[in-house]
Protein backbone atom coordinates (compact mmCIF):
# COMPACT_ATOMS: atom_id res chain seq x y z
CA MET A 1 0.00 0.00 0.00
CA LYS A 2 1.29 3.48 -0.90
CA LEU A 3 -0.02 6.96 -0.23
CA THR A 4 1.47 9.69 -2.42
CA GLU A 5 1.14 13.46 -2.68
CA THR A 6 -1.99 12.96 -4.80
CA HIS A 7 -3.79 10.89 -2.15
CA ASN A 8 -7.27 12.20 -1.43
CA PRO A 9 -7.55 12.41 2.37
CA LEU A 10 -11.33 12.52 2.19
CA GLN A 11 -11.04 8.75 1.62
CA ASN A 12 -9.23 8.15 4.92
CA GLU A 13 -12.24 7.12 6.98
CA ALA A 14 -13.19 4.34 4.54
CA LEU A 15 -9.56 3.18 4.22
CA ILE A 16 -9.13 2.98 8.00
CA ASP A 17 -12.39 1.10 8.48
CA GLY A 18 -11.26 -1.41 5.84
CA PHE A 19 -8.53 -2.73 8.14
CA TYR A 20 -11.04 -3.95 10.72
CA PHE A 21 -13.59 -6.76 10.75
CA ASP A 22 -16.97 -6.32 12.42
CA LEU A 23 -16.30 -2.87 13.80
CA PRO A 24 -18.91 -1.74 16.31
CA ASP A 25 -20.62 1.58 15.84
CA ARG A 26 -18.74 4.77 16.55
CA GLN A 27 -20.34 5.43 19.92
CA THR A 28 -19.43 1.95 21.15
CA ILE A 29 -15.79 2.54 20.18
CA LEU A 30 -15.81 5.88 21.99
CA ASP A 31 -17.35 4.26 25.06
CA GLU A 32 -14.69 1.51 25.03
CA THR A 33 -11.92 4.10 24.90
CA ALA A 34 -13.52 6.19 27.62
CA LYS A 35 -13.72 3.15 29.87
CA LEU A 36 -10.06 2.27 29.22
CA TYR A 37 -9.01 5.86 29.88
CA ALA A 38 -10.98 5.90 33.15
CA GLU A 39 -9.24 2.69 34.23
CA VAL A 40 -5.72 4.00 33.65
CA SER A 41 -6.34 7.54 34.89
CA GLY A 42 -8.35 6.57 37.96
CA GLY A 43 -10.42 9.72 37.48
CA LYS A 44 -7.51 11.84 38.68
CA GLN A 45 -5.83 14.82 37.04
CA PRO A 46 -2.31 16.10 37.70
CA ASP A 47 -1.27 19.12 39.68
CA ILE A 48 0.97 20.84 37.15
CA LYS A 49 4.00 22.62 38.55
CA SER A 50 6.71 24.59 36.82
CA ALA A 51 10.07 22.84 36.81
CA ARG A 52 13.19 24.88 37.54
CA PRO A 53 16.11 24.20 35.17
CA SER A 54 19.54 23.39 36.54
CA ILE A 55 21.76 26.40 37.23
CA ARG A 56 24.38 24.70 35.08
CA SER A 57 22.18 24.65 31.99
CA ALA A 58 21.87 27.30 29.30
CA ASP A 59 18.10 27.19 29.89
CA PHE A 60 18.59 28.60 33.39
CA TRP A 61 20.30 31.73 32.09
CA MET A 62 17.86 32.17 29.18
CA ARG A 63 14.84 31.66 31.43
CA PRO A 64 14.30 35.36 32.28
CA PHE A 65 14.12 36.14 28.56
CA TRP A 66 11.65 33.33 27.79
CA ARG A 67 9.53 34.21 30.84
CA LEU A 68 8.76 37.62 29.29
CA SER A 69 6.55 35.87 26.73
CA ALA A 70 5.45 32.88 28.85
CA GLU A 71 2.49 31.97 31.02
CA PRO A 72 1.74 28.97 33.24
CA VAL A 73 0.27 25.93 31.51
CA PRO A 74 -3.47 25.67 32.28
CA PRO A 75 -4.64 22.75 34.43
CA ALA A 76 -5.07 19.39 32.73
CA VAL A 77 -8.67 18.38 32.06
CA PRO A 78 -10.25 14.92 31.88
CA LEU A 79 -10.72 13.80 28.29
CA THR A 80 -14.36 13.51 27.29
CA ALA A 81 -16.15 13.17 23.95
CA GLU A 82 -19.51 14.80 24.44
CA ASN A 83 -20.08 15.25 20.71
CA GLY A 84 -18.81 11.97 19.26
CA PHE A 85 -15.37 12.15 17.69
CA PHE A 86 -15.63 15.90 17.15
CA PRO A 87 -15.21 18.42 19.98
CA ALA A 88 -18.31 20.03 21.44
CA TRP A 89 -16.92 23.46 20.54
CA LYS A 90 -17.03 22.62 16.79
CA GLU A 91 -20.71 23.63 16.75
CA ASP A 92 -19.74 27.13 17.93
CA LEU A 93 -16.98 27.22 15.31
CA ASP A 94 -19.47 26.29 12.58
CA THR A 95 -21.86 29.01 13.74
CA GLU A 96 -19.02 31.53 13.74
CA TYR A 97 -18.08 30.55 10.18
CA SER A 98 -21.65 30.97 8.90
CA LYS A 99 -21.82 34.51 10.27
CA PHE A 100 -18.33 35.28 8.97
CA GLU A 101 -19.13 33.96 5.48
CA ALA A 102 -22.28 36.05 5.20
CA GLY A 103 -20.63 39.23 6.43
CA THR A 104 -17.84 39.67 3.88
CA GLN A 105 -17.71 41.53 0.57
CA GLN A 106 -16.89 39.41 -2.50
CA VAL A 107 -13.93 40.48 -4.67
CA ASN A 108 -11.79 38.79 -7.32
CA VAL A 109 -8.03 39.27 -7.20
CA ALA A 110 -7.87 39.30 -10.99
CA ASP A 111 -9.85 42.55 -10.98
CA PHE A 112 -6.95 44.13 -9.08
CA GLY A 113 -4.33 43.05 -11.61
CA ALA A 114 -3.27 39.58 -10.44
CA VAL A 115 -2.07 37.35 -13.29
CA GLY A 116 -1.87 33.59 -12.86
CA ASP A 117 0.85 32.96 -15.44
CA GLY A 118 3.49 31.66 -13.03
CA LYS A 119 5.73 34.67 -13.77
CA THR A 120 4.09 37.97 -12.90
CA ASP A 121 4.60 39.30 -9.37
CA SER A 122 1.01 39.63 -8.11
CA THR A 123 1.80 40.64 -4.52
CA ALA A 124 0.45 44.19 -4.85
CA ALA A 125 -2.77 42.96 -6.47
CA PHE A 126 -3.43 40.54 -3.61
CA MET A 127 -2.82 43.15 -0.96
CA LYS A 128 -5.09 45.67 -2.73
CA ALA A 129 -7.84 43.09 -2.97
CA ILE A 130 -7.45 42.17 0.72
CA GLY A 131 -7.26 45.78 1.92
CA ASN A 132 -8.23 46.09 5.57
CA GLY A 133 -10.19 42.85 5.59
CA GLY A 134 -13.91 42.18 5.68
CA VAL A 135 -13.62 40.52 2.26
CA THR A 136 -13.79 37.18 0.52
CA VAL A 137 -10.99 37.27 -2.05
CA ARG A 138 -11.60 34.86 -4.92
CA VAL A 139 -8.51 33.57 -6.71
CA PRO A 140 -9.13 32.00 -10.13
CA ALA A 141 -7.29 29.01 -11.59
CA GLY A 142 -3.62 29.64 -12.37
CA VAL A 143 -0.20 29.98 -10.76
CA PHE A 144 0.12 33.27 -8.87
CA VAL A 145 3.58 34.44 -7.78
CA VAL A 146 3.81 36.55 -4.63
CA ARG A 147 6.43 37.70 -2.10
CA GLY A 148 4.13 36.90 0.82
CA ILE A 149 0.50 37.54 1.75
CA THR A 150 -0.81 38.74 5.11
CA LEU A 151 -4.47 38.42 6.10
CA PRO A 152 -6.22 40.84 8.49
CA ASP A 153 -9.38 40.19 10.50
CA ASN A 154 -12.46 38.85 8.73
CA THR A 155 -10.69 37.74 5.55
CA ARG A 156 -11.32 34.69 3.37
CA LEU A 157 -8.82 33.70 0.66
CA ILE A 158 -10.53 31.18 -1.64
CA GLY A 159 -9.19 29.53 -4.78
CA ALA A 160 -10.84 27.51 -7.55
CA GLY A 161 -9.65 24.18 -6.11
CA LYS A 162 -6.56 22.58 -4.63
CA SER A 163 -5.32 21.45 -8.04
CA GLU A 164 -6.48 24.56 -9.91
CA THR A 165 -5.17 27.55 -7.94
CA ILE A 166 -1.52 27.69 -6.87
CA ILE A 167 0.06 30.55 -4.95
CA ARG A 168 3.85 30.33 -5.25
CA LEU A 169 6.52 32.22 -3.35
CA HIS A 170 8.66 34.50 -5.51
CA ARG A 171 12.12 33.18 -6.35
CA ASP A 172 13.74 36.26 -4.77
CA ALA A 173 11.85 35.99 -1.46
CA PRO A 174 14.10 35.66 1.60
CA LYS A 175 14.47 32.28 3.28
CA LYS A 176 12.54 33.43 6.36
CA GLN A 177 9.46 34.51 4.37
CA ARG A 178 6.11 33.06 5.35
CA LEU A 179 3.98 32.50 2.24
CA VAL A 180 0.59 33.20 3.90
CA ALA A 181 0.14 34.43 7.47
CA ASN A 182 -2.18 36.54 9.58
CA SER A 183 -1.31 40.23 9.62
CA ASN A 184 -0.87 40.99 13.33
CA SER A 185 0.53 38.18 15.47
CA LYS A 186 1.26 40.54 18.37
CA LYS A 187 -2.29 41.83 18.88
CA GLY A 188 -3.91 38.82 17.26
CA ASN A 189 -6.41 38.33 14.45
CA ARG A 190 -9.93 36.93 14.34
CA ARG A 191 -11.84 35.06 11.67
CA ILE A 192 -9.45 34.12 8.90
CA ALA A 193 -10.06 31.40 6.31
CA VAL A 194 -7.90 29.95 3.53
CA GLU A 195 -9.64 27.53 1.19
CA GLU A 196 -9.49 25.58 -2.10
CA LEU A 197 -5.93 26.28 -3.26
CA THR A 198 -2.32 25.10 -2.98
CA LEU A 199 0.51 27.04 -1.38
CA ASP A 200 3.98 26.44 -2.87
CA TRP A 201 6.79 27.82 -0.70
CA ASN A 202 9.11 27.08 -3.62
CA ALA A 203 12.10 25.62 -1.75
CA GLU A 204 13.62 24.91 -5.18
CA ARG A 205 14.63 28.57 -5.36
CA LEU A 206 17.23 27.94 -2.62
CA PRO A 207 20.66 26.30 -2.99
CA THR A 208 20.49 22.51 -2.99
CA GLU A 209 22.77 22.30 0.05
CA GLY A 210 22.01 23.60 3.53
CA ARG A 211 18.88 24.20 5.55
CA THR A 212 15.70 25.65 4.11
CA ASN A 213 14.55 27.56 7.20
CA THR A 214 15.84 30.37 9.40
CA TRP A 215 14.48 30.36 12.97
CA GLY A 216 11.28 30.53 14.99
CA THR A 217 7.93 30.58 13.23
CA TYR A 218 9.32 31.69 9.86
CA SER A 219 9.69 29.80 6.54
CA SER A 220 6.32 28.01 6.46
CA CYS A 221 3.56 27.84 3.83
CA LEU A 222 0.73 28.89 6.17
CA THR A 223 1.19 30.35 9.64
CA PHE A 224 -1.66 31.17 11.99
CA ALA A 225 -0.01 32.93 14.95
CA ASN A 226 -2.34 34.27 17.65
CA VAL A 227 -5.44 33.63 15.54
CA THR A 228 -8.85 33.13 17.14
CA TYR A 229 -11.30 31.41 14.80
CA GLY A 230 -9.36 30.13 11.81
CA TRP A 231 -10.29 27.75 9.01
CA VAL A 232 -8.15 25.90 6.47
CA LYS A 233 -10.25 23.92 4.02
CA ASN A 234 -8.96 21.76 1.17
CA VAL A 235 -5.56 23.46 0.97
CA GLY A 236 -2.26 21.99 -0.21
CA ALA A 237 1.18 22.96 1.09
CA ARG A 238 4.25 22.14 -1.01
CA ASN A 239 7.95 22.33 -0.34
CA ALA A 240 7.89 24.45 2.82
CA GLY A 241 11.19 25.50 4.31
CA LEU A 242 9.86 24.66 7.78
CA HIS A 243 6.22 23.58 8.17
CA GLY A 244 3.38 23.13 5.74
CA PHE A 245 0.82 24.42 8.26
CA ASP A 246 1.72 25.89 11.66
CA VAL A 247 -0.94 26.88 14.24
CA THR A 248 1.04 28.67 16.88
CA SER A 249 1.87 31.60 19.11
CA PRO A 250 3.93 34.52 17.71
CA LEU A 251 7.10 33.04 19.22
CA TYR A 252 8.04 29.54 20.25
CA ASN A 253 8.91 29.48 23.95
CA TYR A 254 11.39 27.54 26.08
CA ALA A 255 10.73 28.89 29.58
CA GLY A 256 10.65 25.35 30.98
CA ASP A 257 8.26 22.53 31.76
CA GLY A 258 5.07 24.03 33.22
CA GLN A 259 5.30 27.22 31.14
CA ARG A 260 4.21 27.97 27.60
CA ALA A 261 4.07 30.90 25.19
CA LYS A 262 1.48 33.63 25.55
CA ARG A 263 -0.94 34.51 22.76
CA GLY A 264 -1.42 31.09 21.22
CA SER A 265 -4.05 30.44 18.58
CA ARG A 266 -7.52 29.16 19.49
CA TYR A 267 -10.42 27.51 17.70
CA VAL A 268 -8.78 26.56 14.42
CA TRP A 269 -10.01 23.83 12.06
CA ILE A 270 -7.81 22.32 9.35
CA ASP A 271 -9.81 20.00 7.07
CA GLY A 272 -8.84 18.28 3.82
CA ALA A 273 -5.28 19.62 3.89
CA SER A 274 -2.30 18.03 2.12
CA ALA A 275 1.37 18.68 2.84
CA SER A 276 4.49 17.35 1.12
CA GLY A 277 8.16 18.25 0.72
CA PHE A 278 8.26 20.12 4.06
CA GLY A 279 11.54 20.81 5.82
CA ASP A 280 10.28 19.93 9.31
CA ASP A 281 6.61 19.01 9.88
CA GLY A 282 3.61 18.79 7.58
CA ILE A 283 0.93 20.02 10.00
CA THR A 284 1.89 21.21 13.46
CA THR A 285 0.63 23.09 16.51
CA HIS A 286 2.51 25.03 19.21
CA HIS A 287 1.20 26.66 22.41
CA SER A 288 -2.37 26.70 21.07
CA ASP A 289 -5.76 25.45 22.28
CA HIS A 290 -8.90 23.94 20.74
CA ILE A 291 -7.48 22.77 17.42
CA LEU A 292 -9.22 20.31 15.07
CA ILE A 293 -7.28 18.59 12.24
CA SER A 294 -9.39 16.27 10.12
CA ARG A 295 -9.27 14.33 6.84
CA SER A 296 -5.76 15.59 6.07
CA HIS A 297 -2.61 13.98 4.65
CA ALA A 298 1.13 14.65 5.02
CA CYS A 299 3.93 12.80 3.24
CA ASN A 300 7.44 12.82 1.82
CA PRO A 301 9.27 15.51 3.81
CA SER A 302 12.55 16.91 2.55
CA GLY A 303 13.86 17.11 6.13
CA ARG A 304 16.04 20.07 5.19
CA ALA A 305 15.14 22.12 8.26
CA HIS A 306 17.55 19.84 10.16
CA GLU A 307 21.09 18.62 9.76
CA ALA A 308 21.46 15.54 7.58
CA GLY A 309 20.66 12.32 9.41
CA ARG A 310 18.96 14.10 12.31
CA SER A 311 15.74 15.21 10.67
CA ASN A 312 12.77 14.59 12.93
CA SER A 313 10.28 15.46 10.18
CA ASN A 314 6.80 14.35 11.19
CA GLY A 315 3.58 14.25 9.22
CA ILE A 316 1.46 15.66 12.04
CA GLU A 317 3.21 17.00 15.13
CA ILE A 318 1.34 18.26 18.18
CA ASP A 319 4.14 20.16 19.86
CA ASP A 320 5.12 22.30 22.85
CA GLY A 321 2.31 23.64 25.01
CA SER A 322 -0.63 22.60 22.80
CA ARG A 323 -3.91 21.71 24.53
CA ASP A 324 -7.26 20.20 23.51
CA VAL A 325 -6.23 19.00 20.05
CA TRP A 326 -8.46 16.67 18.01
CA LEU A 327 -7.12 14.53 15.16
CA VAL A 328 -9.84 12.83 13.08
CA HIS A 329 -9.33 10.49 10.09
CA ASN A 330 -5.92 11.74 8.98
CA SER A 331 -3.10 9.94 7.15
CA THR A 332 0.68 10.14 6.82
CA SER A 333 3.29 8.42 4.69
CA ASN A 334 7.09 8.24 4.46
CA CYS A 335 7.66 10.56 7.40
CA VAL A 336 9.84 10.05 10.46
CA GLY A 337 6.81 10.21 12.74
CA GLY A 338 3.27 9.75 11.49
CA ILE A 339 1.69 11.44 14.51
CA GLU A 340 4.11 12.76 17.08
CA ILE A 341 2.75 14.25 20.31
CA LYS A 342 5.70 15.79 22.10
CA ALA A 343 7.68 18.64 23.57
CA HIS A 344 11.25 19.80 23.73
CA SER A 345 13.03 19.29 27.03
CA ASN A 346 12.79 22.97 27.96
CA SER A 347 9.12 23.41 27.15
CA SER A 348 5.77 21.99 28.25
CA ALA A 349 4.40 18.86 26.65
CA ALA A 350 1.39 18.87 24.38
CA ALA A 351 -1.52 17.34 26.29
CA ASP A 352 -5.25 16.61 26.23
CA VAL A 353 -5.11 15.10 22.73
CA HIS A 354 -7.84 13.02 21.04
CA ILE A 355 -7.22 10.79 18.01
CA PHE A 356 -10.07 9.12 16.13
CA GLY A 357 -8.74 7.20 13.15
CA HIS A 358 -5.29 7.54 11.61
CA LEU A 359 -3.60 5.67 8.75
CA SER A 360 0.21 5.60 8.80
CA VAL A 361 1.91 3.99 5.78
CA GLY A 362 5.68 3.59 5.64
CA ASP A 363 6.44 6.07 8.41
CA ASN A 364 9.44 5.30 10.63
CA ARG A 365 7.49 5.61 13.89
CA SER A 366 3.80 5.70 13.17
CA PHE A 367 2.70 6.99 16.58
CA ASN A 368 5.30 8.57 18.86
CA PHE A 369 4.30 10.15 22.18
CA ARG A 370 7.25 11.62 24.10
CA HIS A 371 8.61 14.49 26.15
CA ILE A 372 12.26 14.89 25.18
CA GLY A 373 14.62 15.19 28.14
CA HIS A 374 12.11 13.56 30.50
CA HIS A 375 12.69 9.93 29.52
CA ARG A 376 15.71 8.34 31.05
CA ASP A 377 17.23 7.66 34.44
CA GLY A 378 18.27 10.96 35.95
CA ASP A 379 15.88 13.01 33.80
CA PRO A 380 13.21 14.99 35.67
CA VAL A 381 9.67 13.59 35.49
CA SER A 382 7.53 15.57 33.05
CA GLN A 383 5.03 17.84 34.77
CA THR A 384 2.89 18.26 31.66
CA ALA A 385 2.91 15.05 29.55
CA TRP A 386 -0.64 13.87 30.25
CA ASN A 387 -3.86 12.72 28.65
CA ILE A 388 -4.02 11.05 25.25
CA LYS A 389 -7.05 9.11 23.99
CA ALA A 390 -6.69 7.29 20.68
CA GLN A 391 -8.76 4.82 18.73
CA LEU A 392 -8.64 3.22 15.28
CA LEU A 393 -4.89 3.57 14.76
CA VAL A 394 -3.47 1.78 11.71
CA SER A 395 0.28 1.37 11.20
CA MET A 396 1.24 -0.23 7.88
CA GLY A 397 4.88 -1.17 7.47
CA PRO A 398 7.01 1.13 9.65
CA VAL A 399 10.43 1.28 7.99
CA PRO A 400 13.94 2.70 8.52
CA THR A 401 14.48 6.17 7.10
CA GLU A 402 17.49 8.06 5.76
CA LEU A 403 16.09 11.16 7.43
CA TYR A 404 16.93 9.65 10.85
CA PRO A 405 18.88 6.38 10.36
CA SER A 406 19.35 5.71 14.09
CA SER A 407 15.58 5.66 14.76
CA THR A 408 14.22 2.11 15.13
CA PRO A 409 11.05 1.45 13.09
CA ARG A 410 8.06 1.05 15.36
CA ALA A 411 4.27 1.29 15.25
CA LEU A 412 3.85 2.92 18.68
CA THR A 413 6.16 4.40 21.29
CA VAL A 414 5.00 5.98 24.54
CA SER A 415 7.66 7.73 26.62
CA ALA A 416 7.13 10.06 29.60
CA TYR A 417 3.37 10.37 29.01
CA ARG A 418 0.79 9.31 31.59
CA HIS A 419 -2.95 8.68 31.25
CA VAL A 420 -2.78 7.22 27.73
CA ALA A 421 -5.55 5.01 26.30
CA VAL A 422 -5.20 3.33 22.87
CA ASN A 423 -8.18 1.28 21.70
CA ARG A 424 -8.83 -0.61 18.45
CA PHE A 425 -5.45 -0.63 16.71
CA CYS A 426 -3.91 -2.57 13.82
CA PHE A 427 -0.09 -2.76 13.51
CA VAL A 428 1.30 -4.62 10.47
CA GLY A 429 5.01 -4.96 9.76
CA GLU A 430 6.61 -4.60 6.34
CA GLU A 431 7.35 -8.10 5.02
CA HIS A 432 10.71 -7.11 3.49
CA ILE A 433 12.04 -5.52 6.71
CA ASP A 434 14.05 -7.39 9.33
CA TYR A 435 12.99 -5.76 12.59
CA GLY A 436 15.81 -7.49 14.46
CA GLY A 437 13.64 -8.64 17.33
CA GLU A 438 12.43 -5.11 18.10
CA PRO A 439 8.81 -4.85 19.26
CA ALA A 440 6.00 -3.26 17.30
CA ALA A 441 5.11 -1.10 20.30
CA SER A 442 7.00 0.00 23.39
CA ILE A 443 5.74 1.54 26.63
CA GLN A 444 9.04 2.79 27.94
CA PHE A 445 11.15 5.01 30.17
CA LYS A 446 8.94 7.15 32.43
CA ALA A 447 5.59 6.33 30.78
CA ASP A 448 2.88 5.28 33.24
CA TYR A 449 -0.88 4.68 33.51
CA VAL A 450 -1.08 3.43 29.92
CA GLY A 451 -3.72 1.12 28.48
CA LEU A 452 -3.84 -0.71 25.12
CA ALA A 453 -6.91 -2.74 24.17
CA ASN A 454 -8.51 -4.57 21.25
CA GLY A 455 -5.50 -4.69 18.97
CA TRP A 456 -3.97 -6.79 16.21
CA ILE A 457 -0.19 -7.02 15.67
CA GLU A 458 1.45 -9.04 12.92
CA GLY A 459 4.49 -9.20 10.66
CA PHE A 460 7.17 -7.94 13.03
CA GLY A 461 8.93 -11.30 13.18
CA THR A 462 8.81 -11.55 16.94
CA GLU A 463 6.35 -12.75 19.53
CA ASN A 464 7.22 -9.72 21.63
CA GLY A 465 4.72 -7.46 19.89
CA ILE A 466 4.49 -5.07 22.83
CA ALA A 467 7.43 -4.36 25.14
CA VAL A 468 6.89 -2.69 28.50
CA PRO A 469 10.30 -1.67 29.85
CA ALA A 470 8.51 1.07 31.80
CA LEU A 471 7.56 -1.57 34.37
CA GLU A 472 11.25 -2.06 35.13
CA LYS A 473 11.47 1.69 35.81
CA GLY A 474 8.69 1.72 38.38
CA ALA A 475 5.57 2.23 36.29
CA LYS A 476 2.50 1.55 38.41
CA CYS A 477 -0.14 0.77 35.78
CA VAL A 478 0.11 -0.65 32.25
CA LEU A 479 -3.00 -2.48 31.01
CA LEU A 480 -2.90 -4.76 27.94
CA THR A 481 -6.28 -6.24 27.04
CA ASN A 482 -7.55 -8.40 24.16
CA ILE A 483 -4.49 -8.08 21.91
CA VAL A 484 -3.71 -10.67 19.23
CA GLU A 485 -0.06 -11.04 18.17
CA THR A 486 1.27 -13.11 15.25
CA PRO A 487 4.89 -13.09 14.03
């Protein structure tokens, strides 16, 4: 099975269901997962505290700087699914979109001089059409070259279709340029939508050697930084220097575990998106709340945002300080991580994450949940790596990757996280790969209160389908229920 850049992610739900026999109805699956989560969590939530870095570390001396733009991580919340596999707040988001759609003036960027010939610089035409916002800017079929587009409040940018309308970054644009972003990340923007087009960051304009990004939140196809109410519908992202899509705060923040950046984005829905050729991650979130990513696909990263051989380029990455993130019927292929839920050592872990259906094909680690620097003996215990509920996870053929040769192929890895429930999963090894006795899944290091249920594991050439080294490190609760393993 292969998933390429042309894969239609609207097919993901049917593809995922096809891996299971006699699936119960959706509500039954949700109830199973809720029960498993209740068993491993015991109905308790953590008391999050800020960790103080060692005086010997660089983080200690940089901490006063990062604290200027940081705030305490909000309390963890029990994971519930009041509205099926979509968040309850989606209804409010839909209502907001209906009012937003009806309240904008319709304009066509071609009427302002934009030319979709793949050559003409149409930046000025786009910015004239956008003006001060309050508009729906229609972009006809064609290839439109720009030096960057910024979107103010109440602005919709809508093409003629993902394969019909392409907005490409100008060959002379600086490496740090964002292709499309909101206009005021400091004060924030409200109600922005990008729909029915493809964004091409045009990494080919850069030298073939060296990294494709600069620093921070720059160098991505689409950046929502401090956006409240945002929509991305049926949009492609090609060849980004950093990320295809980044839902974030204005600055990434490393003030320490228990702190996160101020002014994150809130209430953003990405649906039907596709990302390929990205330097770091296809679709990612940082320091943001109430994010829904559905029916989207990410594949074939370049990995050029990292040094060669150390490229942790993930299809979907829920990163530092993110909260209340919902992933529904997505897919990834040929990435280092399919879904990675994580944090850097000097930031707070992403938490309170729901997954309902994901298809990973040929990723190195299909599902990787970890808090870097909070894994091993001597590392501090993570204060913030909590609360993941996942169901209908499919891992097809995890494989080694040149992007990160030292990373062992695996279907699932849980490190440092607690209160993790994974229900209804299918992990199938690649028949041409010698996994060298490595397990399909590992609950390891400082992971605890983890439950896996109703799973099928085959093709990894070992009867040790699930390894639990965490128990040797003092884990108190790891539940494995109704799991079938075949070599």
